[in-house]
Structure formats: structure tokens, C-alpha cells
């Protein structure tokens, strides 16, 4: 996998699956001198907080309660 593809994948996973995006972001940071890894890690942490709030408030629960 090329570095550019890994960076794009890390950005996508940082929003969709923050723990995986965080791991790949750190991997990109170890593998290259690019500053993208810092933004990927920050985005992953922010998205993790947003996902935790959405799940914690019941935003993904079923609204059809047997009506």
C-alpha cells in the first residue's frame, strides 16, 4: 500500500471507526515524516468523543417501540 493510500484510509477510518483510524494514523506517523498523522490522530479522538455522545444518548436506538 502506498503512503498516499494509507493516509486517505486513515482519514476515512478516523471518522468511521476512530480506534482503527487512530492506529493507522500512528502507523503513518512512524512510517513517514508527513504531518498528516497529527491531524488523523486529532480527528480520530474528536470523532471518538462524538460517537460516544451519540451512542450514550441513545441516538442509535430503535424508535419503533412496537406500535
Protein backbone atom coordinates (compact mmCIF):
# COMPACT_ATOMS: atom_id res chain seq x y z
CA UNK A 1 0.00 0.00 0.00
CA UNK A 2 1.38 3.39 -0.91
CA UNK A 3 1.71 6.11 1.68
CA UNK A 4 -0.93 8.28 0.00
CA UNK A 5 -3.47 5.47 0.13
CA UNK A 6 -2.69 4.81 3.78
CA UNK A 7 -3.24 8.49 4.59
CA UNK A 8 -6.62 8.54 2.81
CA UNK A 9 -7.65 5.30 4.51
CA UNK A 10 -6.60 6.68 7.89
CA UNK A 11 -8.71 9.83 7.42
CA UNK A 12 -11.76 7.78 6.45
CA UNK A 13 -11.33 5.35 9.33
CA UNK A 14 -10.67 8.19 11.79
CA UNK A 15 -14.28 9.28 11.28
CA UNK A 16 -15.96 5.92 10.68
CA UNK A 17 -14.04 3.78 13.19
CA UNK A 18 -11.93 6.01 15.44
CA UNK A 19 -9.80 3.33 17.18
CA UNK A 20 -8.74 1.85 13.86
CA UNK A 21 -8.12 5.31 12.39
CA UNK A 22 -6.00 6.17 15.41
CA UNK A 23 -3.88 3.05 14.96
CA UNK A 24 -3.33 3.66 11.26
CA UNK A 25 -2.66 7.35 11.91
CA UNK A 26 0.09 6.48 14.36
CA UNK A 27 1.42 3.98 11.83
CA UNK A 28 1.55 6.71 9.20
CA UNK A 29 3.42 8.90 11.65
CA UNK A 30 6.01 6.21 12.30
CA UNK A 31 6.37 5.41 8.61
CA UNK A 32 6.77 8.94 7.22
CA UNK A 33 7.73 12.49 8.06
CA UNK A 34 4.30 13.72 6.99
CA UNK A 35 2.30 15.95 9.33
CA UNK A 36 -0.92 14.17 8.36
CA UNK A 37 -0.57 11.74 11.26
CA UNK A 38 -1.16 14.51 13.79
CA UNK A 39 -4.38 15.61 12.08
CA UNK A 40 -5.51 11.99 11.75
CA UNK A 41 -4.95 11.37 15.46
CA UNK A 42 -6.79 14.58 16.45
CA UNK A 43 -9.68 13.79 14.10
CA UNK A 44 -9.86 10.26 15.46
CA UNK A 45 -10.02 11.49 19.05
CA UNK A 46 -12.70 14.08 18.22
CA UNK A 47 -14.75 11.54 16.28
CA UNK A 48 -14.44 9.08 19.16
CA UNK A 49 -15.95 11.65 21.52
CA UNK A 50 -18.78 12.39 19.07
CA UNK A 51 -19.52 8.66 18.62
CA UNK A 52 -19.50 8.18 22.42
CA UNK A 53 -22.02 11.01 22.86
CA UNK A 54 -24.28 9.68 20.09
CA UNK A 55 -24.25 6.15 21.49
CA UNK A 56 -24.53 7.33 25.10
CA UNK A 57 -27.61 9.45 24.46
CA UNK A 58 -29.39 6.63 22.66
CA UNK A 59 -29.22 8.26 19.24
CA UNK A 60 -28.83 4.87 17.59
CA UNK A 61 -31.67 3.13 19.42
CA UNK A 62 -34.72 1.77 17.69
CA UNK A 63 -37.56 4.29 17.58
CA UNK A 64 -40.23 1.71 16.71
CA UNK A 65 -41.40 0.57 20.12
CA UNK A 66 -43.99 -1.94 18.88
CA UNK A 67 -46.64 0.40 17.54
